[in-house]
Amino acid sequence: VIGRRALNISKEDALDHVLGFCVVNDVSERAWQLDRGGQWAKGKSFP
């Protein structure tokens, strides 16, 4: 989770812009992701 606005920052400064870490389940519908034109967002964006 980003904690501070970041644009063109270095790797050395990157963690200063992080609020924290969390667990995520990136649920995916693979047929929509891979068999419907190859646009991953379609298989990743259901409610």
ModelCIF file with pLDDT and N, C-alpha, C, O atoms, coordinates in Angstrom:
data_MODEL
#
_entry.id   MODEL 
#
_entity.id                         1 
_entity.type                       polymer 
_entity.pdbx_number_of_molecules   1 
#
_entity_poly.entity_id                      1 
_entity_poly.type                           'polypeptide(L)' 
_entity_poly.nstd_linkage                   no 
_entity_poly.nstd_monomer                   no 
_entity_poly.pdbx_seq_one_letter_code       VIGRRALNISKEDALDHVLGFCVVNDVSERAWQLDRGGQWAKGKSFP 
_entity_poly.pdbx_seq_one_letter_code_can   VIGRRALNISKEDALDHVLGFCVVNDVSERAWQLDRGGQWAKGKSFP 
_entity_poly.pdbx_strand_id                 A 
#
loop_
_entity_poly_seq.entity_id 
_entity_poly_seq.num 
_entity_poly_seq.mon_id 
_entity_poly_seq.hetero 
1 1  VAL n 
1 2  ILE n 
1 3  GLY n 
1 4  ARG n 
1 5  ARG n 
1 6  ALA n 
1 7  LEU n 
1 8  ASN n 
1 9  ILE n 
1 10 SER n 
1 11 LYS n 
1 12 GLU n 
1 13 ASP n 
1 14 ALA n 
1 15 LEU n 
1 16 ASP n 
1 17 HIS n 
1 18 VAL n 
1 19 LEU n 
1 20 GLY n 
1 21 PHE n 
1 22 CYS n 
1 23 VAL n 
1 24 VAL n 
1 25 ASN n 
1 26 ASP n 
1 27 VAL n 
1 28 SER n 
1 29 GLU n 
1 30 ARG n 
1 31 ALA n 
1 32 TRP n 
1 33 GLN n 
1 34 LEU n 
1 35 ASP n 
1 36 ARG n 
1 37 GLY n 
1 38 GLY n 
1 39 GLN n 
1 40 TRP n 
1 41 ALA n 
1 42 LYS n 
1 43 GLY n 
1 44 LYS n 
1 45 SER n 
1 46 PHE n 
1 47 PRO n 
#
_struct_asym.id          A 
_struct_asym.entity_id   1 
#
loop_
_ma_qa_metric.id 
_ma_qa_metric.mode 
_ma_qa_metric.name 
_ma_qa_metric.software_group_id 
_ma_qa_metric.type 
1 global pLDDT . pLDDT 
2 local  pLDDT . pLDDT 
#
_ma_qa_metric_global.metric_id      1 
_ma_qa_metric_global.metric_value   94.21 
_ma_qa_metric_global.model_id       1 
_ma_qa_metric_global.ordinal_id     1 
#
loop_
_ma_qa_metric_local.label_asym_id 
_ma_qa_metric_local.label_comp_id 
_ma_qa_metric_local.label_seq_id 
_ma_qa_metric_local.metric_id 
_ma_qa_metric_local.metric_value 
_ma_qa_metric_local.model_id 
_ma_qa_metric_local.ordinal_id 
A VAL 1  2 98.00 1 1  
A ILE 2  2 98.00 1 2  
A GLY 3  2 96.00 1 3  
A ARG 4  2 95.00 1 4  
A ARG 5  2 97.00 1 5  
A ALA 6  2 98.00 1 6  
A LEU 7  2 98.00 1 7  
A ASN 8  2 98.00 1 8  
A ILE 9  2 98.00 1 9  
A SER 10 2 98.00 1 10 
A LYS 11 2 97.00 1 11 
A GLU 12 2 97.00 1 12 
A ASP 13 2 97.00 1 13 
A ALA 14 2 97.00 1 14 
A LEU 15 2 95.00 1 15 
A ASP 16 2 95.00 1 16 
A HIS 17 2 96.00 1 17 
A VAL 18 2 97.00 1 18 
A LEU 19 2 96.00 1 19 
A GLY 20 2 96.00 1 20 
A PHE 21 2 98.00 1 21 
A CYS 22 2 98.00 1 22 
A VAL 23 2 98.00 1 23 
A VAL 24 2 98.00 1 24 
A ASN 25 2 98.00 1 25 
A ASP 26 2 98.00 1 26 
A VAL 27 2 98.00 1 27 
A SER 28 2 97.00 1 28 
A GLU 29 2 96.00 1 29 
A ARG 30 2 95.00 1 30 
A ALA 31 2 94.00 1 31 
A TRP 32 2 94.00 1 32 
A GLN 33 2 90.00 1 33 
A LEU 34 2 87.00 1 34 
A ASP 35 2 86.00 1 35 
A ARG 36 2 85.00 1 36 
A GLY 37 2 80.00 1 37 
A GLY 38 2 73.00 1 38 
A GLN 39 2 78.00 1 39 
A TRP 40 2 87.00 1 40 
A ALA 41 2 90.00 1 41 
A LYS 42 2 93.00 1 42 
A GLY 43 2 94.00 1 43 
A LYS 44 2 96.00 1 44 
A SER 45 2 96.00 1 45 
A PHE 46 2 97.00 1 46 
A PRO 47 2 97.00 1 47 
#
loop_
_atom_site.group_PDB 
_atom_site.id 
_atom_site.type_symbol 
_atom_site.label_atom_id 
_atom_site.label_alt_id 
_atom_site.label_comp_id 
_atom_site.label_asym_id 
_atom_site.label_entity_id 
_atom_site.label_seq_id 
_atom_site.pdbx_PDB_ins_code 
_atom_site.Cartn_x 
_atom_site.Cartn_y 
_atom_site.Cartn_z 
_atom_site.occupancy 
_atom_site.B_iso_or_equiv 
_atom_site.pdbx_formal_charge 
_atom_site.auth_seq_id 
_atom_site.auth_comp_id 
_atom_site.auth_asym_id 
_atom_site.auth_atom_id 
_atom_site.pdbx_PDB_model_num 
ATOM 1   N N  . VAL A 1 1  ? 0.851   -1.187  0.000   1.00 98.00 ? 1  VAL A N  1 
ATOM 2   C CA . VAL A 1 1  ? 0.000   0.000   0.000   1.00 98.00 ? 1  VAL A CA 1 
ATOM 3   C C  . VAL A 1 1  ? 0.892   1.245   0.000   1.00 98.00 ? 1  VAL A C  1 
ATOM 4   O O  . VAL A 1 1  ? 1.772   1.391   0.848   1.00 98.00 ? 1  VAL A O  1 
ATOM 5   N N  . ILE A 1 2  ? 0.655   2.124   -0.949  1.00 98.00 ? 2  ILE A N  1 
ATOM 6   C CA . ILE A 1 2  ? 1.440   3.352   -1.057  1.00 98.00 ? 2  ILE A CA 1 
ATOM 7   C C  . ILE A 1 2  ? 1.002   4.345   0.023   1.00 98.00 ? 2  ILE A C  1 
ATOM 8   O O  . ILE A 1 2  ? -0.187  4.521   0.286   1.00 98.00 ? 2  ILE A O  1 
ATOM 9   N N  . GLY A 1 3  ? 1.992   4.983   0.637   1.00 96.00 ? 3  GLY A N  1 
ATOM 10  C CA . GLY A 1 3  ? 1.697   5.949   1.693   1.00 96.00 ? 3  GLY A CA 1 
ATOM 11  C C  . GLY A 1 3  ? 1.984   7.381   1.322   1.00 96.00 ? 3  GLY A C  1 
ATOM 12  O O  . GLY A 1 3  ? 1.461   8.306   1.945   1.00 96.00 ? 3  GLY A O  1 
ATOM 13  N N  . ARG A 1 4  ? 2.819   7.576   0.306   1.00 95.00 ? 4  ARG A N  1 
ATOM 14  C CA . ARG A 1 4  ? 3.207   8.918   -0.130  1.00 95.00 ? 4  ARG A CA 1 
ATOM 15  C C  . ARG A 1 4  ? 3.283   8.976   -1.641  1.00 95.00 ? 4  ARG A C  1 
ATOM 16  O O  . ARG A 1 4  ? 3.720   8.019   -2.282  1.00 95.00 ? 4  ARG A O  1 
ATOM 17  N N  . ARG A 1 5  ? 2.859   10.095  -2.217  1.00 97.00 ? 5  ARG A N  1 
ATOM 18  C CA . ARG A 1 5  ? 2.895   10.269  -3.660  1.00 97.00 ? 5  ARG A CA 1 
ATOM 19  C C  . ARG A 1 5  ? 4.286   9.947   -4.199  1.00 97.00 ? 5  ARG A C  1 
ATOM 20  O O  . ARG A 1 5  ? 5.295   10.371  -3.635  1.00 97.00 ? 5  ARG A O  1 
ATOM 21  N N  . ALA A 1 6  ? 4.327   9.196   -5.289  1.00 98.00 ? 6  ALA A N  1 
ATOM 22  C CA . ALA A 1 6  ? 5.609   8.767   -5.845  1.00 98.00 ? 6  ALA A CA 1 
ATOM 23  C C  . ALA A 1 6  ? 5.605   8.954   -7.358  1.00 98.00 ? 6  ALA A C  1 
ATOM 24  O O  . ALA A 1 6  ? 4.712   8.470   -8.054  1.00 98.00 ? 6  ALA A O  1 
ATOM 25  N N  . LEU A 1 7  ? 6.617   9.663   -7.856  1.00 98.00 ? 7  LEU A N  1 
ATOM 26  C CA . LEU A 1 7  ? 6.804   9.839   -9.288  1.00 98.00 ? 7  LEU A CA 1 
ATOM 27  C C  . LEU A 1 7  ? 8.297   9.913   -9.562  1.00 98.00 ? 7  LEU A C  1 
ATOM 28  O O  . LEU A 1 7  ? 8.995   10.759  -9.003  1.00 98.00 ? 7  LEU A O  1 
ATOM 29  N N  . ASN A 1 8  ? 8.784   9.027   -10.421 1.00 98.00 ? 8  ASN A N  1 
ATOM 30  C CA . ASN A 1 8  ? 10.206  9.003   -10.780 1.00 98.00 ? 8  ASN A CA 1 
ATOM 31  C C  . ASN A 1 8  ? 11.124  8.900   -9.558  1.00 98.00 ? 8  ASN A C  1 
ATOM 32  O O  . ASN A 1 8  ? 12.114  9.624   -9.453  1.00 98.00 ? 8  ASN A O  1 
ATOM 33  N N  . ILE A 1 9  ? 10.788  8.005   -8.649  1.00 98.00 ? 9  ILE A N  1 
ATOM 34  C CA . ILE A 1 9  ? 11.621  7.838   -7.460  1.00 98.00 ? 9  ILE A CA 1 
ATOM 35  C C  . ILE A 1 9  ? 12.619  6.703   -7.675  1.00 98.00 ? 9  ILE A C  1 
ATOM 36  O O  . ILE A 1 9  ? 12.385  5.801   -8.479  1.00 98.00 ? 9  ILE A O  1 
ATOM 37  N N  . SER A 1 10 ? 13.711  6.757   -6.960  1.00 98.00 ? 10 SER A N  1 
ATOM 38  C CA . SER A 1 10 ? 14.740  5.731   -7.066  1.00 98.00 ? 10 SER A CA 1 
ATOM 39  C C  . SER A 1 10 ? 14.362  4.503   -6.253  1.00 98.00 ? 10 SER A C  1 
ATOM 40  O O  . SER A 1 10 ? 13.498  4.564   -5.379  1.00 98.00 ? 10 SER A O  1 
ATOM 41  N N  . LYS A 1 11 ? 15.015  3.395   -6.550  1.00 97.00 ? 11 LYS A N  1 
ATOM 42  C CA . LYS A 1 11 ? 14.816  2.180   -5.763  1.00 97.00 ? 11 LYS A CA 1 
ATOM 43  C C  . LYS A 1 11 ? 15.215  2.419   -4.312  1.00 97.00 ? 11 LYS A C  1 
ATOM 44  O O  . LYS A 1 11 ? 14.585  1.886   -3.398  1.00 97.00 ? 11 LYS A O  1 
ATOM 45  N N  . GLU A 1 12 ? 16.258  3.219   -4.096  1.00 97.00 ? 12 GLU A N  1 
ATOM 46  C CA . GLU A 1 12 ? 16.738  3.480   -2.730  1.00 97.00 ? 12 GLU A CA 1 
ATOM 47  C C  . GLU A 1 12 ? 15.709  4.253   -1.911  1.00 97.00 ? 12 GLU A C  1 
ATOM 48  O O  . GLU A 1 12 ? 15.655  4.106   -0.690  1.00 97.00 ? 12 GLU A O  1 
ATOM 49  N N  . ASP A 1 13 ? 14.893  5.074   -2.569  1.00 97.00 ? 13 ASP A N  1 
ATOM 50  C CA . ASP A 1 13 ? 13.897  5.885   -1.856  1.00 97.00 ? 13 ASP A CA 1 
ATOM 51  C C  . ASP A 1 13 ? 12.512  5.244   -1.844  1.00 97.00 ? 13 ASP A C  1 
ATOM 52  O O  . ASP A 1 13 ? 11.599  5.759   -1.198  1.00 97.00 ? 13 ASP A O  1 
ATOM 53  N N  . ALA A 1 14 ? 12.348  4.134   -2.547  1.00 97.00 ? 14 ALA A N  1 
ATOM 54  C CA . ALA A 1 14 ? 11.009  3.593   -2.784  1.00 97.00 ? 14 ALA A CA 1 
ATOM 55  C C  . ALA A 1 14 ? 10.272  3.222   -1.504  1.00 97.00 ? 14 ALA A C  1 
ATOM 56  O O  . ALA A 1 14 ? 9.089   3.530   -1.366  1.00 97.00 ? 14 ALA A O  1 
ATOM 57  N N  . LEU A 1 15 ? 10.945  2.570   -0.572  1.00 95.00 ? 15 LEU A N  1 
ATOM 58  C CA . LEU A 1 15 ? 10.245  2.103   0.628   1.00 95.00 ? 15 LEU A CA 1 
ATOM 59  C C  . LEU A 1 15 ? 9.793   3.249   1.521   1.00 95.00 ? 15 LEU A C  1 
ATOM 60  O O  . LEU A 1 15 ? 8.914   3.062   2.361   1.00 95.00 ? 15 LEU A O  1 
ATOM 61  N N  . ASP A 1 16 ? 10.381  4.438   1.353   1.00 95.00 ? 16 ASP A N  1 
ATOM 62  C CA . ASP A 1 16 ? 9.914   5.604   2.103   1.00 95.00 ? 16 ASP A CA 1 
ATOM 63  C C  . ASP A 1 16 ? 8.517   6.019   1.663   1.00 95.00 ? 16 ASP A C  1 
ATOM 64  O O  . ASP A 1 16 ? 7.851   6.789   2.355   1.00 95.00 ? 16 ASP A O  1 
ATOM 65  N N  . HIS A 1 17 ? 8.069   5.515   0.519   1.00 96.00 ? 17 HIS A N  1 
ATOM 66  C CA . HIS A 1 17 ? 6.750   5.854   -0.022  1.00 96.00 ? 17 HIS A CA 1 
ATOM 67  C C  . HIS A 1 17 ? 5.721   4.748   0.251   1.00 96.00 ? 17 HIS A C  1 
ATOM 68  O O  . HIS A 1 17 ? 4.593   4.817   -0.239  1.00 96.00 ? 17 HIS A O  1 
ATOM 69  N N  . VAL A 1 18 ? 6.100   3.745   1.018   1.00 97.00 ? 18 VAL A N  1 
ATOM 70  C CA . VAL A 1 18 ? 5.213   2.609   1.310   1.00 97.00 ? 18 VAL A CA 1 
ATOM 71  C C  . VAL A 1 18 ? 4.588   2.778   2.688   1.00 97.00 ? 18 VAL A C  1 
ATOM 72  O O  . VAL A 1 18 ? 5.292   2.963   3.680   1.00 97.00 ? 18 VAL A O  1 
ATOM 73  N N  . LEU A 1 19 ? 3.264   2.712   2.741   1.00 96.00 ? 19 LEU A N  1 
ATOM 74  C CA . LEU A 1 19 ? 2.560   2.734   4.022   1.00 96.00 ? 19 LEU A CA 1 
ATOM 75  C C  . LEU A 1 19 ? 2.702   1.405   4.736   1.00 96.00 ? 19 LEU A C  1 
ATOM 76  O O  . LEU A 1 19 ? 2.954   1.372   5.940   1.00 96.00 ? 19 LEU A O  1 
ATOM 77  N N  . GLY A 1 20 ? 2.543   0.300   4.002   1.00 96.00 ? 20 GLY A N  1 
ATOM 78  C CA . GLY A 1 20 ? 2.622   -1.001  4.637   1.00 96.00 ? 20 GLY A CA 1 
ATOM 79  C C  . GLY A 1 20 ? 2.327   -2.144  3.689   1.00 96.00 ? 20 GLY A C  1 
ATOM 80  O O  . GLY A 1 20 ? 2.171   -1.965  2.481   1.00 96.00 ? 20 GLY A O  1 
ATOM 81  N N  . PHE A 1 21 ? 2.256   -3.339  4.289   1.00 98.00 ? 21 PHE A N  1 
ATOM 82  C CA . PHE A 1 21 ? 2.084   -4.578  3.543   1.00 98.00 ? 21 PHE A CA 1 
ATOM 83  C C  . PHE A 1 21 ? 0.813   -5.290  4.008   1.00 98.00 ? 21 PHE A C  1 
ATOM 84  O O  . PHE A 1 21 ? 0.352   -5.079  5.130   1.00 98.00 ? 21 PHE A O  1 
ATOM 85  N N  . CYS A 1 22 ? 0.257   -6.123  3.152   1.00 98.00 ? 22 CYS A N  1 
ATOM 86  C CA . CYS A 1 22 ? -0.968  -6.837  3.503   1.00 98.00 ? 22 CYS A CA 1 
ATOM 87  C C  . CYS A 1 22 ? -1.074  -8.111  2.676   1.00 98.00 ? 22 CYS A C  1 
ATOM 88  O O  . CYS A 1 22 ? -0.316  -8.324  1.729   1.00 98.00 ? 22 CYS A O  1 
ATOM 89  N N  . VAL A 1 23 ? -2.031  -8.953  3.056   1.00 98.00 ? 23 VAL A N  1 
ATOM 90  C CA . VAL A 1 23 ? -2.350  -10.171 2.313   1.00 98.00 ? 23 VAL A CA 1 
ATOM 91  C C  . VAL A 1 23 ? -3.408  -9.845  1.262   1.00 98.00 ? 23 VAL A C  1 
ATOM 92  O O  . VAL A 1 23 ? -4.368  -9.125  1.538   1.00 98.00 ? 23 VAL A O  1 
ATOM 93  N N  . VAL A 1 24 ? -3.226  -10.372 0.075   1.00 98.00 ? 24 VAL A N  1 
ATOM 94  C CA . VAL A 1 24 ? -4.194  -10.196 -1.012  1.00 98.00 ? 24 VAL A CA 1 
ATOM 95  C C  . VAL A 1 24 ? -4.438  -11.546 -1.678  1.00 98.00 ? 24 VAL A C  1 
ATOM 96  O O  . VAL A 1 24 ? -3.508  -12.332 -1.859  1.00 98.00 ? 24 VAL A O  1 
ATOM 97  N N  . ASN A 1 25 ? -5.687  -11.811 -2.040  1.00 98.00 ? 25 ASN A N  1 
ATOM 98  C CA . ASN A 1 25 ? -6.007  -12.939 -2.913  1.00 98.00 ? 25 ASN A CA 1 
ATOM 99  C C  . ASN A 1 25 ? -6.352  -12.362 -4.282  1.00 98.00 ? 25 ASN A C  1 
ATOM 100 O O  . ASN A 1 25 ? -7.426  -11.788 -4.465  1.00 98.00 ? 25 ASN A O  1 
ATOM 101 N N  . ASP A 1 26 ? -5.442  -12.514 -5.241  1.00 98.00 ? 26 ASP A N  1 
ATOM 102 C CA . ASP A 1 26 ? -5.663  -12.011 -6.594  1.00 98.00 ? 26 ASP A CA 1 
ATOM 103 C C  . ASP A 1 26 ? -6.497  -13.043 -7.350  1.00 98.00 ? 26 ASP A C  1 
ATOM 104 O O  . ASP A 1 26 ? -5.975  -13.811 -8.158  1.00 98.00 ? 26 ASP A O  1 
ATOM 105 N N  . VAL A 1 27 ? -7.801  -13.048 -7.075  1.00 98.00 ? 27 VAL A N  1 
ATOM 106 C CA . VAL A 1 27 ? -8.712  -14.007 -7.696  1.00 98.00 ? 27 VAL A CA 1 
ATOM 107 C C  . VAL A 1 27 ? -8.757  -13.739 -9.204  1.00 98.00 ? 27 VAL A C  1 
ATOM 108 O O  . VAL A 1 27 ? -8.752  -12.591 -9.647  1.00 98.00 ? 27 VAL A O  1 
ATOM 109 N N  . SER A 1 28 ? -8.801  -14.827 -9.978  1.00 97.00 ? 28 SER A N  1 
ATOM 110 C CA . SER A 1 28 ? -8.693  -14.702 -11.431 1.00 97.00 ? 28 SER A CA 1 
ATOM 111 C C  . SER A 1 28 ? -9.652  -15.657 -12.125 1.00 97.00 ? 28 SER A C  1 
ATOM 112 O O  . SER A 1 28 ? -9.816  -16.800 -11.698 1.00 97.00 ? 28 SER A O  1 
ATOM 113 N N  . GLU A 1 29 ? -10.276 -15.197 -13.181 1.00 96.00 ? 29 GLU A N  1 
ATOM 114 C CA . GLU A 1 29 ? -11.032 -16.086 -14.076 1.00 96.00 ? 29 GLU A CA 1 
ATOM 115 C C  . GLU A 1 29 ? -10.167 -16.307 -15.315 1.00 96.00 ? 29 GLU A C  1 
ATOM 116 O O  . GLU A 1 29 ? -10.090 -15.447 -16.192 1.00 96.00 ? 29 GLU A O  1 
ATOM 117 N N  . ARG A 1 30 ? -9.516  -17.476 -15.374 1.00 95.00 ? 30 ARG A N  1 
ATOM 118 C CA . ARG A 1 30 ? -8.478  -17.719 -16.383 1.00 95.00 ? 30 ARG A CA 1 
ATOM 119 C C  . ARG A 1 30 ? -9.029  -17.730 -17.808 1.00 95.00 ? 30 ARG A C  1 
ATOM 120 O O  . ARG A 1 30 ? -8.337  -17.312 -18.736 1.00 95.00 ? 30 ARG A O  1 
ATOM 121 N N  . ALA A 1 31 ? -10.262 -18.202 -17.996 1.00 94.00 ? 31 ALA A N  1 
ATOM 122 C CA . ALA A 1 31 ? -10.818 -18.210 -19.350 1.00 94.00 ? 31 ALA A CA 1 
ATOM 123 C C  . ALA A 1 31 ? -10.939 -16.786 -19.876 1.00 94.00 ? 31 ALA A C  1 
ATOM 124 O O  . ALA A 1 31 ? -10.632 -16.526 -21.039 1.00 94.00 ? 31 ALA A O  1 
ATOM 125 N N  . TRP A 1 32 ? -11.377 -15.876 -19.039 1.00 94.00 ? 32 TRP A N  1 
ATOM 126 C CA . TRP A 1 32 ? -11.494 -14.479 -19.457 1.00 94.00 ? 32 TRP A CA 1 
ATOM 127 C C  . TRP A 1 32 ? -10.123 -13.844 -19.624 1.00 94.00 ? 32 TRP A C  1 
ATOM 128 O O  . TRP A 1 32 ? -9.922  -13.001 -20.499 1.00 94.00 ? 32 TRP A O  1 
ATOM 129 N N  . GLN A 1 33 ? -9.171  -14.256 -18.770 1.00 90.00 ? 33 GLN A N  1 
ATOM 130 C CA . GLN A 1 33 ? -7.837  -13.676 -18.807 1.00 90.00 ? 33 GLN A CA 1 
ATOM 131 C C  . GLN A 1 33 ? -7.051  -14.095 -20.052 1.00 90.00 ? 33 GLN A C  1 
ATOM 132 O O  . GLN A 1 33 ? -6.367  -13.277 -20.666 1.00 90.00 ? 33 GLN A O  1 
ATOM 133 N N  . LEU A 1 34 ? -7.156  -15.393 -20.422 1.00 87.00 ? 34 LEU A N  1 
ATOM 134 C CA . LEU A 1 34 ? -6.263  -15.945 -21.431 1.00 87.00 ? 34 LEU A CA 1 
ATOM 135 C C  . LEU A 1 34 ? -6.945  -16.354 -22.733 1.00 87.00 ? 34 LEU A C  1 
ATOM 136 O O  . LEU A 1 34 ? -6.294  -16.422 -23.776 1.00 87.00 ? 34 LEU A O  1 
ATOM 137 N N  . ASP A 1 35 ? -8.249  -16.628 -22.685 1.00 86.00 ? 35 ASP A N  1 
ATOM 138 C CA . ASP A 1 35 ? -8.922  -17.155 -23.867 1.00 86.00 ? 35 ASP A CA 1 
ATOM 139 C C  . ASP A 1 35 ? -9.822  -16.133 -24.562 1.00 86.00 ? 35 ASP A C  1 
ATOM 140 O O  . ASP A 1 35 ? -10.497 -16.457 -25.540 1.00 86.00 ? 35 ASP A O  1 
ATOM 141 N N  . ARG A 1 36 ? -9.828  -14.903 -24.055 1.00 85.00 ? 36 ARG A N  1 
ATOM 142 C CA . ARG A 1 36 ? -10.736 -13.895 -24.603 1.00 85.00 ? 36 ARG A CA 1 
ATOM 143 C C  . ARG A 1 36 ? -9.976  -12.684 -25.134 1.00 85.00 ? 36 ARG A C  1 
ATOM 144 O O  . ARG A 1 36 ? -10.375 -11.542 -24.908 1.00 85.00 ? 36 ARG A O  1 
ATOM 145 N N  . GLY A 1 37 ? -8.876  -12.944 -25.841 1.00 80.00 ? 37 GLY A N  1 
ATOM 146 C CA . GLY A 1 37 ? -8.140  -11.857 -26.459 1.00 80.00 ? 37 GLY A CA 1 
ATOM 147 C C  . GLY A 1 37 ? -6.878  -11.457 -25.722 1.00 80.00 ? 37 GLY A C  1 
ATOM 148 O O  . GLY A 1 37 ? -6.182  -10.533 -26.145 1.00 80.00 ? 37 GLY A O  1 
ATOM 149 N N  . GLY A 1 38 ? -6.572  -12.137 -24.627 1.00 73.00 ? 38 GLY A N  1 
ATOM 150 C CA . GLY A 1 38 ? -5.300  -11.917 -23.959 1.00 73.00 ? 38 GLY A CA 1 
ATOM 151 C C  . GLY A 1 38 ? -5.183  -10.658 -23.134 1.00 73.00 ? 38 GLY A C  1 
ATOM 152 O O  . GLY A 1 38 ? -4.073  -10.255 -22.787 1.00 73.00 ? 38 GLY A O  1 
ATOM 153 N N  . GLN A 1 39 ? -6.289  -10.030 -22.813 1.00 78.00 ? 39 GLN A N  1 
ATOM 154 C CA . GLN A 1 39 ? -6.248  -8.833  -21.972 1.00 78.00 ? 39 GLN A CA 1 
ATOM 155 C C  . GLN A 1 39 ? -6.495  -9.242  -20.517 1.00 78.00 ? 39 GLN A C  1 
ATOM 156 O O  . GLN A 1 39 ? -7.622  -9.554  -20.134 1.00 78.00 ? 39 GLN A O  1 
ATOM 157 N N  . TRP A 1 40 ? -5.434  -9.237  -19.719 1.00 87.00 ? 40 TRP A N  1 
ATOM 158 C CA . TRP A 1 40 ? -5.509  -9.795  -18.383 1.00 87.00 ? 40 TRP A CA 1 
ATOM 159 C C  . TRP A 1 40 ? -6.537  -9.096  -17.498 1.00 87.00 ? 40 TRP A C  1 
ATOM 160 O O  . TRP A 1 40 ? -7.145  -9.733  -16.638 1.00 87.00 ? 40 TRP A O  1 
ATOM 161 N N  . ALA A 1 41 ? -6.736  -7.809  -17.694 1.00 90.00 ? 41 ALA A N  1 
ATOM 162 C CA . ALA A 1 41 ? -7.658  -7.080  -16.813 1.00 90.00 ? 41 ALA A CA 1 
ATOM 163 C C  . ALA A 1 41 ? -9.049  -7.686  -16.830 1.00 90.00 ? 41 ALA A C  1 
ATOM 164 O O  . ALA A 1 41 ? -9.755  -7.629  -15.823 1.00 90.00 ? 41 ALA A O  1 
ATOM 165 N N  . LYS A 1 42 ? -9.462  -8.268  -17.957 1.00 93.00 ? 42 LYS A N  1 
ATOM 166 C CA . LYS A 1 42 ? -10.800 -8.862  -18.050 1.00 93.00 ? 42 LYS A CA 1 
ATOM 167 C C  . LYS A 1 42 ? -10.956 -10.038 -17.092 1.00 93.00 ? 42 LYS A C  1 
ATOM 168 O O  . LYS A 1 42 ? -12.034 -10.255 -16.540 1.00 93.00 ? 42 LYS A O  1 
ATOM 169 N N  . GLY A 1 43 ? -9.882  -10.793 -16.897 1.00 94.00 ? 43 GLY A N  1 
ATOM 170 C CA . GLY A 1 43 ? -9.954  -11.953 -16.018 1.00 94.00 ? 43 GLY A CA 1 
ATOM 171 C C  . GLY A 1 43 ? -9.645  -11.647 -14.566 1.00 94.00 ? 43 GLY A C  1 
ATOM 172 O O  . GLY A 1 43 ? -9.626  -12.548 -13.727 1.00 94.00 ? 43 GLY A O  1 
ATOM 173 N N  . LYS A 1 44 ? -9.403  -10.379 -14.266 1.00 96.00 ? 44 LYS A N  1 
ATOM 174 C CA . LYS A 1 44 ? -8.967  -10.002 -12.922 1.00 96.00 ? 44 LYS A CA 1 
ATOM 175 C C  . LYS A 1 44 ? -9.897  -9.008  -12.234 1.00 96.00 ? 44 LYS A C  1 
ATOM 176 O O  . LYS A 1 44 ? -9.639  -8.625  -11.093 1.00 96.00 ? 44 LYS A O  1 
ATOM 177 N N  . SER A 1 45 ? -10.980 -8.577  -12.903 1.00 96.00 ? 45 SER A N  1 
ATOM 178 C CA . SER A 1 45 ? -11.677 -7.370  -12.448 1.00 96.00 ? 45 SER A CA 1 
ATOM 179 C C  . SER A 1 45 ? -13.119 -7.569  -12.006 1.00 96.00 ? 45 SER A C  1 
ATOM 180 O O  . SER A 1 45 ? -13.843 -6.590  -11.826 1.00 96.00 ? 45 SER A O  1 
ATOM 181 N N  . PHE A 1 46 ? -13.556 -8.823  -11.825 1.00 97.00 ? 46 PHE A N  1 
ATOM 182 C CA . PHE A 1 46 ? -14.924 -9.056  -11.353 1.00 97.00 ? 46 PHE A CA 1 
ATOM 183 C C  . PHE A 1 46 ? -15.048 -8.613  -9.891  1.00 97.00 ? 46 PHE A C  1 
ATOM 184 O O  . PHE A 1 46 ? -14.058 -8.644  -9.160  1.00 97.00 ? 46 PHE A O  1 
ATOM 185 N N  . PRO A 1 47 ? -16.243 -8.203  -9.450  1.00 97.00 ? 47 PRO A N  1 
ATOM 186 C CA . PRO A 1 47 ? -16.406 -7.812  -8.044  1.00 97.00 ? 47 PRO A CA 1 
ATOM 187 C C  . PRO A 1 47 ? -15.903 -8.886  -7.079  1.00 97.00 ? 47 PRO A C  1 
ATOM 188 O O  . PRO A 1 47 ? -15.972 -8.705  -5.863  1.00 97.00 ? 47 PRO A O  1 
#
